[in-house]
Each structure stands twice: as structure tokens, then as C-alpha cells.
Protein backbone atom coordinates (compact mmCIF):
# COMPACT_ATOMS: atom_id res chain seq x y z
CA MET A 1 166.46 -8.84 -5.33
CA VAL A 2 163.00 -8.75 -6.93
CA LYS A 3 162.75 -5.04 -6.18
CA LYS A 4 166.11 -4.39 -7.86
CA PHE A 5 165.00 -6.38 -10.91
CA ILE A 6 161.76 -4.38 -11.16
CA ASN A 7 163.65 -1.10 -10.82
CA PHE A 8 166.14 -2.16 -13.49
CA THR A 9 163.32 -3.25 -15.84
CA LEU A 10 161.49 0.04 -15.33
CA PHE A 11 164.69 1.99 -15.94
CA PHE A 12 165.38 -0.02 -19.09
CA VAL A 13 161.85 0.49 -20.46
CA LEU A 14 161.95 4.24 -19.76
CA THR A 15 165.37 4.51 -21.39
CA VAL A 16 164.15 2.72 -24.52
CA MET A 17 161.03 4.90 -24.69
CA PHE A 18 163.11 8.05 -24.27
CA PHE A 19 165.46 6.90 -27.03
CA ILE A 20 162.54 6.20 -29.37
CA ILE A 21 161.06 9.64 -28.70
CA ILE A 22 164.25 11.66 -29.20
CA SER A 23 165.87 9.55 -31.92
CA PRO A 24 164.20 11.38 -34.86
CA TYR A 25 165.66 14.65 -33.59
CA VAL A 26 169.08 13.29 -32.62
CA PHE A 27 169.62 11.46 -35.90
CA LYS A 28 168.20 14.08 -38.27
CA TYR A 29 171.72 15.16 -39.25
CA GLN A 30 173.41 11.86 -38.51
CA LYS A 31 176.55 11.36 -40.58
CA PHE A 32 176.89 8.13 -42.54
CA PHE A 33 180.10 6.28 -43.36
CA PRO A 34 181.22 6.57 -47.01
CA LYS A 35 181.05 2.77 -47.15
CA THR A 36 177.39 2.86 -46.09
CA LEU A 37 176.47 5.47 -48.71
CA ASN A 38 178.35 3.60 -51.42
CA LYS A 39 176.31 0.53 -50.52
CA GLU A 40 173.19 2.62 -51.06
CA ILE A 41 174.53 3.64 -54.48
CA VAL A 42 174.91 -0.05 -55.37
CA PHE A 43 171.40 -0.75 -54.03
CA ILE A 44 169.88 2.09 -56.08
CA ASN A 45 171.74 1.02 -59.20
CA SER A 46 170.36 -2.52 -58.91
CA LYS A 47 166.80 -1.18 -58.58
CA LEU A 48 167.25 1.11 -61.58
CA LYS A 49 168.46 -1.80 -63.69
CA LEU A 50 165.53 -3.90 -62.49
CA HIS A 51 162.66 -1.40 -62.84
CA TYR A 52 163.63 1.60 -64.99
CA ILE A 53 161.93 1.46 -68.37
CA ASP A 54 164.95 3.25 -69.91
CA ASP A 55 167.42 0.95 -68.17
CA GLU A 56 169.86 1.33 -71.07
CA ARG A 57 170.52 4.87 -69.77
CA VAL A 58 171.85 3.48 -66.47
CA ILE A 59 175.51 3.34 -67.37
CA ASN A 60 177.56 5.47 -65.00
CA PHE A 61 175.31 5.68 -61.93
CA LYS A 62 177.12 2.85 -60.18
CA ASP A 63 180.42 4.71 -60.68
CA ILE A 64 179.46 7.46 -58.21
CA LYS A 65 181.85 7.23 -55.28
CA ILE A 66 181.28 8.84 -51.89
CA ASN A 67 184.58 9.53 -50.15
CA ARG A 68 183.49 11.49 -47.08
CA TRP A 69 180.96 11.31 -44.28
CA MET A 70 177.59 12.83 -45.18
CA ASN A 71 174.17 13.31 -43.66
CA LYS A 72 171.07 12.43 -45.68
CA TYR A 73 170.60 16.03 -46.86
CA GLU A 74 174.09 16.17 -48.35
CA PHE A 75 173.60 12.75 -49.94
CA TYR A 76 170.21 13.84 -51.27
CA LYS A 77 171.82 16.72 -53.20
CA ILE A 78 174.13 14.28 -54.97
CA LEU A 79 171.25 11.98 -55.91
CA VAL A 80 169.05 14.81 -57.22
CA LYS A 81 171.92 16.03 -59.39
CA GLU A 82 172.50 12.51 -60.72
CA PHE A 83 168.84 11.61 -61.27
CA SER A 84 168.30 14.79 -63.31
CA LYS A 85 170.02 12.81 -66.10
CA TYR A 86 167.32 10.12 -66.02
CA PRO A 87 163.91 11.24 -67.37
CA GLY A 88 161.00 10.33 -65.12
CA VAL A 89 163.06 9.31 -62.06
CA TYR A 90 162.52 11.25 -58.82
CA VAL A 91 164.09 11.22 -55.37
CA LEU A 92 162.29 12.64 -52.33
CA LEU A 93 163.29 13.30 -48.76
CA PRO A 94 161.75 11.14 -46.02
CA GLU A 95 158.75 12.87 -44.45
CA SER A 96 158.39 12.64 -40.69
CA ASN A 97 155.67 14.38 -38.71
CA LYS A 98 157.91 14.23 -35.64
CA SER A 99 161.23 15.60 -36.84
CA ASN A 100 160.71 17.46 -40.14
CA TYR A 101 160.17 21.20 -40.08
CA VAL A 102 159.02 22.98 -43.22
CA LEU A 103 158.50 26.54 -44.41
CA PRO A 104 154.97 27.85 -43.69
CA PHE A 105 154.18 28.63 -47.34
CA GLU A 106 154.24 26.93 -50.74
CA ILE A 107 155.62 28.23 -54.01
CA ARG A 108 155.48 27.27 -57.68
CA PHE A 109 157.61 28.40 -60.61
CA VAL A 110 155.14 30.30 -62.79
CA ASP A 111 155.97 32.50 -65.79
CA GLY A 112 159.61 32.82 -64.73
CA GLU A 113 158.92 33.66 -61.06
CA PHE A 114 158.57 31.80 -57.76
CA VAL A 115 154.98 32.56 -56.77
CA VAL A 116 153.40 31.87 -53.36
CA ILE A 117 150.30 29.70 -53.83
CA ASN A 118 149.53 28.86 -50.21
CA SER A 119 150.52 30.51 -46.94
CA SER A 120 149.99 30.11 -43.21
CA CYS A 121 152.22 33.10 -42.36
CA ASP A 122 152.26 36.84 -43.12
CA ILE A 123 153.45 36.34 -46.71
CA GLU A 124 150.48 36.86 -49.02
CA GLU A 125 149.35 34.38 -51.65
CA GLY A 126 150.42 35.71 -55.02
CA ALA A 127 153.65 37.19 -53.67
CA VAL A 128 156.83 36.64 -55.70
CA VAL A 129 159.75 35.32 -53.63
CA SER A 130 163.18 36.59 -54.69
CA LYS A 131 165.62 35.81 -51.86
CA ILE A 132 166.02 33.44 -48.93
CA ASN A 133 168.59 34.46 -46.29
CA ASN A 134 170.06 37.14 -48.60
CA ARG A 135 170.65 34.64 -51.41
CA ASP A 136 168.72 34.72 -54.68
CA LEU A 137 166.27 31.85 -54.66
CA ILE A 138 167.26 30.79 -58.17
CA GLU A 139 170.84 30.32 -56.93
CA TYR A 140 169.73 27.53 -54.59
CA LEU A 141 169.07 25.36 -57.62
CA SER A 142 172.81 25.18 -58.27
CA ASP A 143 173.08 23.21 -55.00
CA PHE A 144 170.96 20.47 -56.57
CA TYR A 145 171.51 20.68 -60.34
CA SER A 146 174.40 21.22 -62.70
CA GLU A 147 173.95 24.27 -64.94
CA LYS A 148 172.82 22.12 -67.88
CA TYR A 149 169.85 20.80 -65.90
CA VAL A 150 168.59 24.06 -64.36
CA ILE A 151 165.52 23.80 -66.59
CA ASN A 152 161.93 24.82 -65.97
CA GLU A 153 160.68 21.36 -64.99
CA ASN A 154 163.44 21.04 -62.39
CA LYS A 155 162.65 24.55 -61.11
CA GLN A 156 159.10 23.32 -60.54
CA PHE A 157 160.31 20.11 -58.86
CA PHE A 158 162.50 22.24 -56.60
CA SER A 159 159.51 24.45 -55.75
CA ARG A 160 157.22 21.52 -54.96
CA TYR A 161 159.49 19.01 -53.23
CA ILE A 162 162.71 20.71 -52.07
CA PHE A 163 161.81 24.30 -51.16
CA PRO A 164 159.53 23.37 -48.21
CA PHE A 165 162.55 21.67 -46.57
CA LEU A 166 165.00 24.50 -47.21
CA GLY A 167 165.23 25.22 -43.48
CA GLU A 168 166.43 21.64 -42.94
CA PHE A 169 169.19 22.07 -45.50
CA LEU A 170 170.21 25.39 -43.92
CA LYS A 171 169.87 23.96 -40.38
CA LYS A 172 167.79 26.98 -39.41
CA LYS A 173 164.27 27.41 -38.06
CA ARG A 174 164.11 31.17 -38.63
CA ILE A 175 164.35 32.11 -42.30
CA GLU A 176 164.56 35.57 -43.85
CA VAL A 177 162.38 35.95 -46.93
CA GLU A 178 162.47 38.78 -49.47
CA TYR A 179 159.52 39.08 -51.81
CA LYS A 180 157.30 41.41 -53.80
CA PHE A 181 153.56 41.79 -53.46
CA LEU A 182 151.47 44.19 -55.52
CA GLY A 183 154.64 45.92 -56.67
CA LYS A 184 156.00 46.54 -53.17
CA SER A 185 159.25 44.95 -51.96
CA LYS A 186 159.02 43.35 -48.53
CA LYS A 187 161.24 41.46 -46.13
CA THR A 188 160.17 39.27 -43.23
CA ILE A 189 161.30 36.49 -40.92
CA VAL A 190 159.30 33.26 -40.93
CA GLU A 191 159.65 30.28 -38.63
CA THR A 192 159.51 26.73 -39.88
CA ILE A 193 156.60 24.62 -38.65
CA PRO A 194 156.26 20.89 -37.87
CA TYR A 195 155.49 18.87 -40.98
CA GLU A 196 152.24 17.62 -39.44
CA LYS A 197 150.93 21.22 -39.39
CA PHE A 198 151.76 21.79 -43.05
CA ILE A 199 148.50 21.91 -45.05
CA ARG A 200 148.90 21.79 -48.81
CA LYS A 201 146.81 23.71 -51.27
CA ASP A 202 143.66 21.96 -52.50
CA PRO A 203 144.32 20.36 -55.90
CA VAL A 204 141.73 22.39 -57.83
CA LEU A 205 140.29 25.90 -57.52
CA VAL A 206 137.12 26.70 -59.49
CA GLU A 207 136.18 30.36 -59.83
CA ASN A 208 133.19 31.81 -61.65
CA LYS A 209 134.67 35.05 -62.98
CA SER A 210 131.27 36.05 -64.37
CA ASN A 211 127.96 34.43 -65.26
CA ASP A 212 129.40 33.05 -68.49
CA PHE A 213 133.08 32.51 -67.57
CA ALA A 214 134.60 29.81 -65.33
CA ASN A 215 138.29 29.61 -64.44
CA ILE A 216 139.71 26.25 -63.29
CA THR A 217 143.19 26.37 -61.75
CA ILE A 218 144.93 23.04 -61.21
CA PHE A 219 147.50 22.92 -58.40
CA SER A 220 147.88 19.14 -58.41
CA PHE A 221 146.80 16.40 -60.81
CA ASN A 222 146.82 13.81 -58.04
CA PHE A 223 143.08 13.64 -57.32
CA LEU A 224 142.78 11.14 -54.50
CA GLY A 225 139.90 9.79 -52.40
CA ASP A 226 136.98 12.11 -51.75
CA LYS A 227 138.71 14.93 -53.63
CA PHE A 228 138.17 13.09 -56.91
CA SER A 229 134.39 12.96 -56.41
CA GLU A 230 134.26 16.62 -55.39
CA ILE A 231 136.30 17.77 -58.38
CA PHE A 232 134.37 15.57 -60.80
CA GLU A 233 131.10 17.04 -59.53
CA GLU A 234 132.43 20.59 -60.00
CA PHE A 235 133.45 19.81 -63.58
CA GLU A 236 130.03 18.29 -64.28
CA ASN A 237 128.23 21.33 -62.86
CA ILE A 238 130.22 23.60 -65.16
CA ALA A 239 129.51 21.33 -68.15
CA LYS A 240 125.77 21.34 -67.37
CA ASN A 241 125.59 25.10 -66.85
CA ASN A 242 124.34 26.50 -70.17
CA ASN A 243 125.14 30.04 -69.05
CA ILE A 244 128.87 29.29 -68.96
CA LYS A 245 130.26 29.81 -72.45
CA HIS A 246 133.99 30.14 -71.75
CA ILE A 247 136.22 27.90 -69.62
CA THR A 248 139.88 28.47 -68.80
CA LEU A 249 141.96 25.52 -67.63
CA ASP A 250 145.11 26.87 -65.97
CA PHE A 251 147.83 24.22 -65.56
CA ARG A 252 150.74 26.57 -64.76
CA TYR A 253 150.67 26.02 -60.99
CA ALA A 254 150.50 22.23 -61.06
CA TYR A 255 153.32 19.87 -60.24
CA ASP A 256 153.39 16.34 -58.82
CA ILE A 257 154.92 12.98 -59.51
CA PRO A 258 152.28 11.37 -61.78
CA ILE A 259 151.46 8.39 -59.57
CA ASP A 260 147.70 8.52 -60.14
CA LEU A 261 146.23 8.90 -63.64
CA SER A 262 142.58 9.34 -62.68
CA SER A 263 142.83 13.12 -63.23
CA LEU A 264 144.11 12.58 -66.79
CA TYR A 265 141.18 10.36 -67.75
CA MET A 266 138.67 12.58 -65.93
CA ILE A 267 139.74 15.85 -67.55
CA MET A 268 140.10 14.28 -71.00
CA SER A 269 136.60 12.78 -70.72
CA PHE A 270 135.23 16.35 -70.66
CA LEU A 271 137.35 17.44 -73.63
CA ILE A 272 136.71 14.64 -76.16
CA ASP A 273 133.45 13.86 -77.95
CA LYS A 274 134.07 10.30 -79.11
CA LYS A 275 135.56 7.09 -77.79
CA THR A 276 139.30 6.77 -78.36
CA THR A 277 142.58 5.51 -76.95
CA LEU A 278 145.05 8.02 -75.54
CA PHE A 279 148.32 6.31 -76.37
CA GLU A 280 149.59 4.97 -79.65
CA GLU A 281 152.00 2.72 -77.82
CA ALA A 282 152.75 1.68 -74.24
CA MET A 283 155.91 -0.04 -73.07
CA PHE A 284 156.17 -1.88 -69.74
CA LYS A 285 159.19 -3.39 -68.02
CA LEU A 286 158.99 -6.47 -65.86
CA GLY A 287 162.38 -7.63 -64.66
CA SER A 288 164.60 -8.10 -67.70
CA TYR A 289 161.65 -8.21 -70.12
CA LYS A 290 159.87 -5.36 -71.89
CA TYR A 291 156.37 -5.62 -73.31
CA THR A 292 154.84 -3.29 -75.89
CA TYR A 293 151.12 -2.68 -76.43
CA LYS A 294 149.47 -0.75 -79.25
CA ASN A 295 146.49 1.61 -78.84
CA PHE A 296 146.63 1.71 -75.05
CA GLY A 297 144.42 3.65 -72.62
CA GLU A 298 140.80 3.39 -73.72
CA LEU A 299 138.79 6.54 -73.00
CA ALA A 300 135.13 7.41 -73.48
CA PRO A 301 133.59 10.89 -73.26
CA ASN A 302 131.68 11.80 -70.14
CA ASN A 303 127.87 12.00 -70.23
CA VAL A 304 128.19 15.80 -70.12
CA MET A 305 131.14 17.56 -71.75
CA PHE A 306 132.63 20.96 -72.48
CA LYS A 307 131.78 20.37 -76.15
CA ASN A 308 129.62 23.46 -76.70
CA LYS A 309 131.86 25.78 -74.69
CA GLU A 310 134.99 27.67 -75.63
CA VAL A 311 137.84 26.01 -73.73
CA GLU A 312 141.20 27.75 -73.33
CA ILE A 313 144.11 25.84 -71.81
CA VAL A 314 146.75 28.08 -70.23
CA GLU A 315 149.89 26.15 -70.97
CA ASN A 316 153.47 26.97 -69.92
CA CYS A 317 153.03 23.87 -67.78
CA PHE A 318 155.81 21.65 -66.40
CA ASP A 319 153.68 19.03 -64.65
CA PRO A 320 153.93 15.64 -66.44
CA ILE A 321 150.16 15.11 -66.64
CA GLY A 322 149.46 18.75 -67.51
CA SER A 323 152.06 18.63 -70.28
CA LEU A 324 150.57 15.36 -71.51
CA ILE A 325 147.07 16.86 -71.78
CA CYS A 326 148.44 19.90 -73.64
CA ASN A 327 150.36 17.71 -76.07
CA ILE A 328 147.37 15.43 -76.66
CA ILE A 329 145.19 18.44 -77.51
CA LYS A 330 147.87 19.85 -79.85
CA ASN A 331 148.70 16.42 -81.34
CA ASP A 332 152.34 16.89 -80.37
CA LYS A 333 154.66 14.00 -79.62
CA LEU A 334 155.57 13.28 -76.01
CA GLU A 335 157.03 10.42 -73.98
CA PHE A 336 155.17 10.00 -70.70
CA TYR A 337 156.65 7.98 -67.82
CA ASN A 338 154.44 6.13 -65.36
CA ASN A 339 153.78 2.91 -63.39
CA TYR A 340 156.14 3.98 -60.61
CA LYS A 341 157.98 1.70 -58.22
CA GLU A 342 158.77 3.32 -54.87
CA ILE A 343 162.17 2.35 -53.46
CA ILE A 344 163.30 3.38 -49.97
CA THR A 345 167.04 3.38 -49.35
CA PRO A 346 168.05 1.19 -46.37
CA TRP A 347 169.89 3.74 -44.22
CA THR A 348 169.13 7.31 -45.33
CA ARG A 349 165.46 6.37 -45.99
CA LEU A 350 165.30 8.49 -49.13
CA ARG A 351 162.35 7.66 -51.39
CA ILE A 352 163.08 6.99 -55.05
CA TYR A 353 160.34 6.74 -57.67
CA ILE A 354 161.32 4.71 -60.72
CA PRO A 355 159.01 4.52 -63.78
CA SER A 356 158.61 1.02 -65.19
CA ALA A 357 156.42 2.14 -68.09
CA LYS A 358 156.52 4.68 -70.88
CA PHE A 359 153.61 5.85 -73.04
CA PHE A 360 153.64 7.50 -76.46
CA ILE A 361 150.86 9.88 -77.50
CA LYS A 362 148.29 8.79 -80.06
CA GLN A 363 147.16 11.60 -82.37
CA LEU A 364 143.43 12.15 -81.89
């Protein structure tokens, strides 16, 4: 009897372990009941009303009705299309090292083209991608956005957050890619790789084009951890180098949800020469209350600056922080969303970022 109990216990434990191991793969394309997805709509609507700084915009979201079974990828398309109506709100797919497979290269929408910025396959950095599986890449945006919202910022969001998972949407691990490199048209097959092997481009690339010219390309304004110290040191070295007379700041390749503002304050500290505040007004939402502050975001210049150097900012930027810096320099008006609340939906595990604050530029 004891032996049977031990055997049963062992069998049960092994079964549970096996289920835990395979569940991410089995349930990747799990279909959800319409009732379940409609409950998620209600859940999301309540969080928007609670946290979204522009909560008065949330009128018809709750009226979305799901009437068929869907997996999380199908549901995600509906949410992206809906959230494109709400400035500053983002929805991301869940990221799992175990079950997610991504394309082995990164792209950004730059000067009207989808440019490869990082690659661990045969496709060269700098290549321009035109088609995926015989379909124009630009056409994929219609799966996620209505025609009115196929705008440049959403093209960049697609490049940064959706394109890597295109194989998951297509349910394929082998993807045909058509692209151009150095004027030559090419076609190749790439295989998706586990998410844990996906290495993103470093946030900043500093190149000394000549003894007196430095080019700084920003790929991400989210400077986190040790990267912040490294990047700050590189900026200081350029500022201290009297031989460098010309600096180019290229923001075209950058795109991220602006969760961390340290890059904004760091870069601006090299560009200003006197103490100031960045924002004329800041508005925060806490529950049903909104609070407004004047002259928000105190900023002091760094000990060494780019003051005596010619600084050129390459604009055509769709990143929220990059656009903010450009508008501050030009004294143009801009509404900047921040202070994000991350919401994870109960069943599909989609991640929704809702801004609970909005800043208005102060003219310097």
C-alpha cells in the first residue's frame, strides 16, 4: 500500500512538472471565450478611468464587444487598434524566455524606410526591409491600425514592439525576408530565435568621424543601470575634448515607451547653460483627482557642457523623449505623457502602460 502511494505521488509530481514545462508552448495560441475577453475589456476600461490622465477621452472603449473565440495575438490586434485613439497609452505582448520566438534582427522606421539596426543573422545592418513572406512590410500595419492611424509614430512603435514577434502572429518559425543593401535587392530565409537569445542594440553609439567631429546616435532613451554611467561618461569626454568642434545628435533611430526620464535630464544638462525648469505645467492624476503644478522639472547645467561646440540635432524623430528634446530646443509646444502605470490583463497577460501625468513644455 505504501509502495503504491509513493508511486502515485511520484507520478503526480512528474505529471505536474511536465505540465509546467510544456504549458507555455501548449497555451501560446490558446483560444479564450468571448465572455473572458469581454471581462478583460471591462477590466481595462476601469483601469483607464482610474489612471489615464486624459480619462475624459475614455468614452467608447467599454463598448468594444468580442463575439468570437480569440487567442491573445488576435485580441492584441484589437487593443492596439483601439489604443491608437488614446495618446500616450501602449499595449505590449507578454514576453516569455521559454515560449516566445522573435526575428533575429531589429528594425526602425527611418526616413520613410524600415532600416535594420541590429542583426544576428545574414541580413546586414543598414539594410532596408521591403517584404516579409511576399507581403509589403508596410501592409502589415493595416492588421494593427485603421488607415487614419497609420502615422509615423505608430510605424515606429510597430518596428520596435510588434515586428520582432511577427513570426508569432504568422505562426511560422521560418520567415522569408526581402530587402535592399547597398543598392542590391536580396531575398533570404531567417529562422526565429528564442526570446532569451535576442540581444537588443545598445542605447547609444558614439562615433568620432574625425578629430573635430563626433556623431552620437541614440537607439533608446531608456538609459538604465550601468548604461547610464557609461553614456554619461562618454558625453562628458566629448564635452571636455577641446578638439571636437561639431557634435551631431541623431534621434531618428530611437523609440521606447518613456518610462525613465534620466536620459532627458542628462542630455538637456549638456545643452543648457543656466538653471531652469523644463515644463511650464505638469498635471498628475490620482484616482478621481487631478493636480496641477507650475514650473515643474528643475534642471541645472552639467559641470561640462557642449556650450562652445556646434551641436546639430538630426530630427525626424518619433520617440516621445527625442521629440520632447527637439521641441524644447525649438521652443515648440508639445504635450508629453509620463508617470506610467503598468497593468497586466488577468487572462491574456497583455501589458498595458497608462500615463497618469502630462507635461507641457516651458519655453526656455
